[in-house]
């Protein structure tokens, strides 16, 4: 019998893509947790429950946080743990291609059409959006978010909580610090320090001393 999972964060718009991945995988969803105030974006509205209504049976299920913003993803993970969830799981869309030598940590989501190259390491609770391309020997720290269509060349390293915007290109062996943000469409040729927002081609620092994506540090 296949184990059901819980999606923790119904107010995140990205949840619809995660639900679609679950449907393609034939992976049953036990519940979708509404953990903060806001509109529910879940397709399966009948599965949405309030965080305070989580039962021990639901908390015993594997869970995934379907939220793109690292700071919000971390907050939801902490809230889930406080409510008894102890088994983060990963979801890899069946249309994604993940090298057999890749190493994905628990809590990671890999969206439709994404590619992860050989010998790459993906940290816990990373979020890799649809059609992103992750090259060989890439290292993503935990809570990294990769936007749709981003291209991460070989041997790139990306620090904790950093966000790579849609369609950005990171050239080989570039190092991105922690809580950095690479704007959509940027082309990164050189290292990016911690807490920097970069944009353009070639990418240049737009804001130094930047807390992190959406002004949240993880």
C-alpha atoms as a PDB file:
ATOM      1  CA  UNK A   1       0.000   0.000   0.000  1.00  0.00           C
ATOM      2  CA  UNK A   2       1.395   3.395  -1.025  1.00  0.00           C
ATOM      3  CA  UNK A   3       2.018   5.874   1.775  1.00  0.00           C
ATOM      4  CA  UNK A   4       0.080   9.148   1.640  1.00  0.00           C
ATOM      5  CA  UNK A   5       1.895  12.444   2.047  1.00  0.00           C
ATOM      6  CA  UNK A   6       1.002  15.810   3.540  1.00  0.00           C
ATOM      7  CA  UNK A   7       1.639  19.131   1.813  1.00  0.00           C
ATOM      8  CA  UNK A   8       2.344  21.794   4.417  1.00  0.00           C
ATOM      9  CA  UNK A   9       1.438  25.264   3.150  1.00  0.00           C
ATOM     10  CA  UNK A  10      -1.829  25.709   1.259  1.00  0.00           C
ATOM     11  CA  UNK A  11      -1.398  29.488   0.834  1.00  0.00           C
ATOM     12  CA  UNK A  12       1.624  29.089  -1.469  1.00  0.00           C
ATOM     13  CA  UNK A  13       0.691  29.475  -5.140  1.00  0.00           C
ATOM     14  CA  UNK A  14       3.378  26.939  -6.122  1.00  0.00           C
ATOM     15  CA  UNK A  15       1.338  24.206  -4.445  1.00  0.00           C
ATOM     16  CA  UNK A  16      -0.594  23.622  -7.658  1.00  0.00           C
ATOM     17  CA  UNK A  17       2.559  22.447  -9.461  1.00  0.00           C
ATOM     18  CA  UNK A  18       3.409  20.150  -6.565  1.00  0.00           C
ATOM     19  CA  UNK A  19      -0.111  18.730  -6.622  1.00  0.00           C
ATOM     20  CA  UNK A  20       0.254  18.083 -10.356  1.00  0.00           C
ATOM     21  CA  UNK A  21       3.540  16.251  -9.707  1.00  0.00           C
ATOM     22  CA  UNK A  22       1.806  14.096  -7.106  1.00  0.00           C
ATOM     23  CA  UNK A  23      -0.963  13.298  -9.586  1.00  0.00           C
ATOM     24  CA  UNK A  24       1.529  12.260 -12.266  1.00  0.00           C
ATOM     25  CA  UNK A  25       3.328  10.082  -9.740  1.00  0.00           C
ATOM     26  CA  UNK A  26       0.091   8.533  -8.492  1.00  0.00           C
ATOM     27  CA  UNK A  27       1.103   9.737  -5.035  1.00  0.00           C
ATOM     28  CA  UNK A  28      -1.910  10.172  -2.733  1.00  0.00           C
ATOM     29  CA  UNK A  29      -2.171  13.333  -0.647  1.00  0.00           C
ATOM     30  CA  UNK A  30      -3.529  12.757   2.857  1.00  0.00           C
ATOM     31  CA  UNK A  31      -3.989  16.419   3.767  1.00  0.00           C
ATOM     32  CA  UNK A  32      -2.944  19.956   2.812  1.00  0.00           C
ATOM     33  CA  UNK A  33      -2.226  22.150   5.816  1.00  0.00           C
ATOM     34  CA  UNK A  34      -3.356  25.786   5.977  1.00  0.00           C
ATOM     35  CA  UNK A  35      -0.618  27.070   8.289  1.00  0.00           C
ATOM     36  CA  UNK A  36      -0.770  30.871   7.916  1.00  0.00           C
ATOM     37  CA  UNK A  37      -3.443  33.434   7.116  1.00  0.00           C
ATOM     38  CA  UNK A  38      -4.090  33.893   3.414  1.00  0.00           C
ATOM     39  CA  UNK A  39      -5.865  32.530   0.368  1.00  0.00           C
ATOM     40  CA  UNK A  40      -5.773  28.798  -0.275  1.00  0.00           C
ATOM     41  CA  UNK A  41      -4.253  28.006  -3.667  1.00  0.00           C
ATOM     42  CA  UNK A  42      -4.564  24.238  -3.428  1.00  0.00           C
ATOM     43  CA  UNK A  43      -6.452  22.515  -6.212  1.00  0.00           C
ATOM     44  CA  UNK A  44      -7.773  19.856  -3.820  1.00  0.00           C
ATOM     45  CA  UNK A  45      -9.655  22.238  -1.520  1.00  0.00           C
ATOM     46  CA  UNK A  46     -11.417  19.311   0.146  1.00  0.00           C
ATOM     47  CA  UNK A  47      -8.069  18.160   1.573  1.00  0.00           C
ATOM     48  CA  UNK A  48      -7.216  21.510   3.226  1.00  0.00           C
ATOM     49  CA  UNK A  49      -7.181  21.492   7.029  1.00  0.00           C
ATOM     50  CA  UNK A  50      -6.167  24.077   9.609  1.00  0.00           C
ATOM     51  CA  UNK A  51      -2.793  23.565  11.284  1.00  0.00           C
ATOM     52  CA  UNK A  52      -4.481  23.313  14.683  1.00  0.00           C
ATOM     53  CA  UNK A  53      -6.549  20.388  13.372  1.00  0.00           C
ATOM     54  CA  UNK A  54      -3.523  18.227  12.550  1.00  0.00           C
ATOM     55  CA  UNK A  55      -3.950  14.858  14.263  1.00  0.00           C
ATOM     56  CA  UNK A  56      -1.173  12.459  15.315  1.00  0.00           C
ATOM     57  CA  UNK A  57      -2.175  10.218  12.392  1.00  0.00           C
ATOM     58  CA  UNK A  58      -1.681  13.064   9.922  1.00  0.00           C
ATOM     59  CA  UNK A  59       1.567  14.193  11.571  1.00  0.00           C
ATOM     60  CA  UNK A  60       2.910  10.648  11.158  1.00  0.00           C
ATOM     61  CA  UNK A  61       2.768  11.009   7.359  1.00  0.00           C
ATOM     62  CA  UNK A  62       5.772  12.107   5.297  1.00  0.00           C
ATOM     63  CA  UNK A  63       5.464  15.802   4.442  1.00  0.00           C
ATOM     64  CA  UNK A  64       6.737  18.338   1.931  1.00  0.00           C
ATOM     65  CA  UNK A  65       6.651  22.142   2.123  1.00  0.00           C
ATOM     66  CA  UNK A  66       5.529  23.442  -1.323  1.00  0.00           C
ATOM     67  CA  UNK A  67       6.725  27.039  -0.841  1.00  0.00           C
ATOM     68  CA  UNK A  68       9.230  28.838  -3.101  1.00  0.00           C
ATOM     69  CA  UNK A  69      10.408  31.590  -0.714  1.00  0.00           C
ATOM     70  CA  UNK A  70      13.189  30.121   1.484  1.00  0.00           C
ATOM     71  CA  UNK A  71      12.242  32.143   4.560  1.00  0.00           C
ATOM     72  CA  UNK A  72       8.618  31.055   4.365  1.00  0.00           C
ATOM     73  CA  UNK A  73       9.674  27.476   3.642  1.00  0.00           C
ATOM     74  CA  UNK A  74      11.863  27.424   6.744  1.00  0.00           C
ATOM     75  CA  UNK A  75       9.086  28.904   8.901  1.00  0.00           C
ATOM     76  CA  UNK A  76       6.630  26.278   7.637  1.00  0.00           C
ATOM     77  CA  UNK A  77       9.137  23.494   8.275  1.00  0.00           C
ATOM     78  CA  UNK A  78       9.617  24.663  11.860  1.00  0.00           C
ATOM     79  CA  UNK A  79       5.863  24.913  12.367  1.00  0.00           C
ATOM     80  CA  UNK A  80       5.381  21.412  10.962  1.00  0.00           C
ATOM     81  CA  UNK A  81       8.015  20.005  13.300  1.00  0.00           C
ATOM     82  CA  UNK A  82       6.393  21.758  16.267  1.00  0.00           C
ATOM     83  CA  UNK A  83       3.135  20.012  15.371  1.00  0.00           C
ATOM     84  CA  UNK A  84       4.730  16.582  15.330  1.00  0.00           C
ATOM     85  CA  UNK A  85       5.831  16.105  11.729  1.00  0.00           C
ATOM     86  CA  UNK A  86       9.152  14.277  11.695  1.00  0.00           C
ATOM     87  CA  UNK A  87       9.515  12.729   8.223  1.00  0.00           C
ATOM     88  CA  UNK A  88      10.273  15.208   5.435  1.00  0.00           C
ATOM     89  CA  UNK A  89      10.037  13.632   2.015  1.00  0.00           C
ATOM     90  CA  UNK A  90      11.168  14.589  -1.484  1.00  0.00           C
ATOM     91  CA  UNK A  91       9.034  14.751  -4.603  1.00  0.00           C
ATOM     92  CA  UNK A  92      10.583  14.418  -8.040  1.00  0.00           C
ATOM     93  CA  UNK A  93       8.217  15.010 -10.937  1.00  0.00           C
ATOM     94  CA  UNK A  94       8.268  12.001 -13.294  1.00  0.00           C
ATOM     95  CA  UNK A  95       9.099  14.298 -16.209  1.00  0.00           C
ATOM     96  CA  UNK A  96      12.292  15.477 -14.466  1.00  0.00           C
ATOM     97  CA  UNK A  97      15.645  13.860 -15.209  1.00  0.00           C
ATOM     98  CA  UNK A  98      17.884  13.218 -12.214  1.00  0.00           C
ATOM     99  CA  UNK A  99      21.310  11.641 -12.704  1.00  0.00           C
ATOM    100  CA  UNK A 100      21.767   8.361 -10.834  1.00  0.00           C
ATOM    101  CA  UNK A 101      24.898   9.836  -9.242  1.00  0.00           C
ATOM    102  CA  UNK A 102      22.997  12.869  -7.957  1.00  0.00           C
ATOM    103  CA  UNK A 103      22.352  13.168  -4.235  1.00  0.00           C
ATOM    104  CA  UNK A 104      19.064  14.748  -3.147  1.00  0.00           C
ATOM    105  CA  UNK A 105      18.422  15.446   0.524  1.00  0.00           C
ATOM    106  CA  UNK A 106      15.051  15.122   2.239  1.00  0.00           C
ATOM    107  CA  UNK A 107      12.451  17.817   1.734  1.00  0.00           C
ATOM    108  CA  UNK A 108      13.480  18.649  -1.842  1.00  0.00           C
ATOM    109  CA  UNK A 109      11.041  19.296  -4.683  1.00  0.00           C
ATOM    110  CA  UNK A 110      12.108  18.857  -8.306  1.00  0.00           C
ATOM    111  CA  UNK A 111       9.531  20.205 -10.745  1.00  0.00           C
ATOM    112  CA  UNK A 112       8.365  19.204 -14.203  1.00  0.00           C
ATOM    113  CA  UNK A 113      11.038  19.045 -16.891  1.00  0.00           C
ATOM    114  CA  UNK A 114      13.926  19.899 -14.565  1.00  0.00           C
ATOM    115  CA  UNK A 115      17.320  18.253 -15.127  1.00  0.00           C
ATOM    116  CA  UNK A 116      19.919  17.489 -12.459  1.00  0.00           C
ATOM    117  CA  UNK A 117      23.360  16.475 -13.727  1.00  0.00           C
ATOM    118  CA  UNK A 118      25.798  13.879 -12.528  1.00  0.00           C
ATOM    119  CA  UNK A 119      27.497  14.009  -9.136  1.00  0.00           C
ATOM    120  CA  UNK A 120      25.451  17.001  -8.023  1.00  0.00           C
ATOM    121  CA  UNK A 121      24.403  17.457  -4.392  1.00  0.00           C
ATOM    122  CA  UNK A 122      21.082  19.051  -3.492  1.00  0.00           C
ATOM    123  CA  UNK A 123      20.652  20.177   0.111  1.00  0.00           C
ATOM    124  CA  UNK A 124      17.620  19.655   2.299  1.00  0.00           C
ATOM    125  CA  UNK A 125      14.382  21.482   1.515  1.00  0.00           C
ATOM    126  CA  UNK A 126      15.654  22.827  -1.797  1.00  0.00           C
ATOM    127  CA  UNK A 127      13.054  23.885  -4.369  1.00  0.00           C
ATOM    128  CA  UNK A 128      13.898  23.359  -8.040  1.00  0.00           C
ATOM    129  CA  UNK A 129      11.277  24.826 -10.300  1.00  0.00           C
ATOM    130  CA  UNK A 130      10.040  23.557 -13.657  1.00  0.00           C
ATOM    131  CA  UNK A 131      12.492  23.239 -16.561  1.00  0.00           C
ATOM    132  CA  UNK A 132      15.499  24.349 -14.494  1.00  0.00           C
ATOM    133  CA  UNK A 133      18.820  22.820 -15.530  1.00  0.00           C
ATOM    134  CA  UNK A 134      21.340  21.876 -12.838  1.00  0.00           C
ATOM    135  CA  UNK A 135      24.756  20.884 -14.204  1.00  0.00           C
ATOM    136  CA  UNK A 136      27.241  18.250 -13.100  1.00  0.00           C
ATOM    137  CA  UNK A 137      29.069  18.567  -9.763  1.00  0.00           C
ATOM    138  CA  UNK A 138      26.786  21.396  -8.630  1.00  0.00           C
ATOM    139  CA  UNK A 139      26.348  21.902  -4.891  1.00  0.00           C
ATOM    140  CA  UNK A 140      23.153  23.467  -3.569  1.00  0.00           C
ATOM    141  CA  UNK A 141      23.012  24.132   0.162  1.00  0.00           C
ATOM    142  CA  UNK A 142      19.782  23.669   2.073  1.00  0.00           C
ATOM    143  CA  UNK A 143      16.767  25.894   1.420  1.00  0.00           C
ATOM    144  CA  UNK A 144      18.003  27.055  -1.990  1.00  0.00           C
ATOM    145  CA  UNK A 145      15.309  27.967  -4.539  1.00  0.00           C
ATOM    146  CA  UNK A 146      15.859  27.732  -8.300  1.00  0.00           C
ATOM    147  CA  UNK A 147      13.410  29.552 -10.578  1.00  0.00           C
ATOM    148  CA  UNK A 148      11.805  28.230 -13.777  1.00  0.00           C
ATOM    149  CA  UNK A 149      14.161  27.774 -16.695  1.00  0.00           C
ATOM    150  CA  UNK A 150      17.291  28.789 -14.778  1.00  0.00           C
ATOM    151  CA  UNK A 151      20.531  27.287 -16.085  1.00  0.00           C
ATOM    152  CA  UNK A 152      23.144  26.336 -13.517  1.00  0.00           C
ATOM    153  CA  UNK A 153      26.371  25.252 -15.250  1.00  0.00           C
ATOM    154  CA  UNK A 154      28.784  22.644 -13.953  1.00  0.00           C
ATOM    155  CA  UNK A 155      30.591  22.924 -10.610  1.00  0.00           C
ATOM    156  CA  UNK A 156      28.537  25.894  -9.401  1.00  0.00           C
ATOM    157  CA  UNK A 157      28.071  26.230  -5.639  1.00  0.00           C
ATOM    158  CA  UNK A 158      25.063  28.021  -4.142  1.00  0.00           C
ATOM    159  CA  UNK A 159      24.839  28.903  -0.446  1.00  0.00           C
ATOM    160  CA  UNK A 160      22.040  28.390   2.051  1.00  0.00           C
ATOM    161  CA  UNK A 161      18.767  30.167   1.356  1.00  0.00           C
ATOM    162  CA  UNK A 162      19.813  31.752  -1.923  1.00  0.00           C
ATOM    163  CA  UNK A 163      17.365  32.260  -4.789  1.00  0.00           C
ATOM    164  CA  UNK A 164      18.133  32.026  -8.493  1.00  0.00           C
ATOM    165  CA  UNK A 165      15.474  33.801 -10.558  1.00  0.00           C
ATOM    166  CA  UNK A 166      13.633  32.586 -13.625  1.00  0.00           C
ATOM    167  CA  UNK A 167      15.815  32.205 -16.699  1.00  0.00           C
ATOM    168  CA  UNK A 168      19.036  33.245 -14.930  1.00  0.00           C
ATOM    169  CA  UNK A 169      22.303  31.719 -16.154  1.00  0.00           C
ATOM    170  CA  UNK A 170      25.181  30.839 -13.815  1.00  0.00           C
ATOM    171  CA  UNK A 171      28.424  30.111 -15.652  1.00  0.00           C
ATOM    172  CA  UNK A 172      30.699  27.199 -14.671  1.00  0.00           C
ATOM    173  CA  UNK A 173      32.308  27.104 -11.221  1.00  0.00           C
ATOM    174  CA  UNK A 174      30.632  30.317 -10.025  1.00  0.00           C
ATOM    175  CA  UNK A 175      30.140  30.529  -6.246  1.00  0.00           C
ATOM    176  CA  UNK A 176      26.975  32.138  -4.875  1.00  0.00           C
ATOM    177  CA  UNK A 177      26.949  33.054  -1.196  1.00  0.00           C
ATOM    178  CA  UNK A 178      24.208  32.488   1.368  1.00  0.00           C
ATOM    179  CA  UNK A 179      20.944  34.456   1.221  1.00  0.00           C
ATOM    180  CA  UNK A 180      21.939  35.937  -2.115  1.00  0.00           C
ATOM    181  CA  UNK A 181      19.419  36.648  -4.878  1.00  0.00           C
ATOM    182  CA  UNK A 182      20.132  36.413  -8.600  1.00  0.00           C
ATOM    183  CA  UNK A 183      17.471  38.339 -10.511  1.00  0.00           C
ATOM    184  CA  UNK A 184      15.486  36.800 -13.349  1.00  0.00           C
ATOM    185  CA  UNK A 185      17.441  36.689 -16.602  1.00  0.00           C
ATOM    186  CA  UNK A 186      20.771  37.641 -15.019  1.00  0.00           C
ATOM    187  CA  UNK A 187      24.003  36.142 -16.361  1.00  0.00           C
ATOM    188  CA  UNK A 188      26.434  35.483 -13.522  1.00  0.00           C
ATOM    189  CA  UNK A 189      30.105  35.232 -14.470  1.00  0.00           C
ATOM    190  CA  UNK A 190      31.764  35.995 -11.131  1.00  0.00           C
ATOM    191  CA  UNK A 191      31.282  35.094  -7.478  1.00  0.00           C
ATOM    192  CA  UNK A 192      28.367  36.647  -5.586  1.00  0.00           C
ATOM    193  CA  UNK A 193      28.864  37.424  -1.896  1.00  0.00           C
ATOM    194  CA  UNK A 194      26.451  36.610   0.913  1.00  0.00           C
ATOM    195  CA  UNK A 195      23.381  38.855   1.167  1.00  0.00           C
ATOM    196  CA  UNK A 196      23.703  40.464  -2.260  1.00  0.00           C
ATOM    197  CA  UNK A 197      21.085  41.085  -4.934  1.00  0.00           C
ATOM    198  CA  UNK A 198      22.565  40.926  -8.437  1.00  0.00           C
ATOM    199  CA  UNK A 199      21.000  41.600 -11.827  1.00  0.00           C
ATOM    200  CA  UNK A 200      21.890  42.162 -15.468  1.00  0.00           C
ATOM    201  CA  UNK A 201      24.276  40.745 -18.070  1.00  0.00           C
ATOM    202  CA  UNK A 202      26.901  40.541 -16.813  1.00  0.00           C
ATOM    203  CA  UNK A 203      25.341  40.441 -13.352  1.00  0.00           C
ATOM    204  CA  UNK A 204      26.289  43.282 -11.040  1.00  0.00           C
ATOM    205  CA  UNK A 205      25.427  44.037  -7.432  1.00  0.00           C
ATOM    206  CA  UNK A 206      22.193  46.017  -7.217  1.00  0.00           C
ATOM    207  CA  UNK A 207      21.800  45.850  -3.440  1.00  0.00           C
ATOM    208  CA  UNK A 208      24.568  44.892  -1.013  1.00  0.00           C
ATOM    209  CA  UNK A 209      23.709  43.974   2.564  1.00  0.00           C
ATOM    210  CA  UNK A 210      20.449  42.467   1.308  1.00  0.00           C
ATOM    211  CA  UNK A 211      18.748  40.256   3.945  1.00  0.00           C
ATOM    212  CA  UNK A 212      17.618  37.652   1.441  1.00  0.00           C
ATOM    213  CA  UNK A 213      14.729  36.880  -0.901  1.00  0.00           C
ATOM    214  CA  UNK A 214      11.695  38.961   0.099  1.00  0.00           C
ATOM    215  CA  UNK A 215      13.853  40.522   2.823  1.00  0.00           C
ATOM    216  CA  UNK A 216      13.996  37.264   4.772  1.00  0.00           C
ATOM    217  CA  UNK A 217      17.209  35.678   6.053  1.00  0.00           C
ATOM    218  CA  UNK A 218      17.434  31.946   6.685  1.00  0.00           C
END
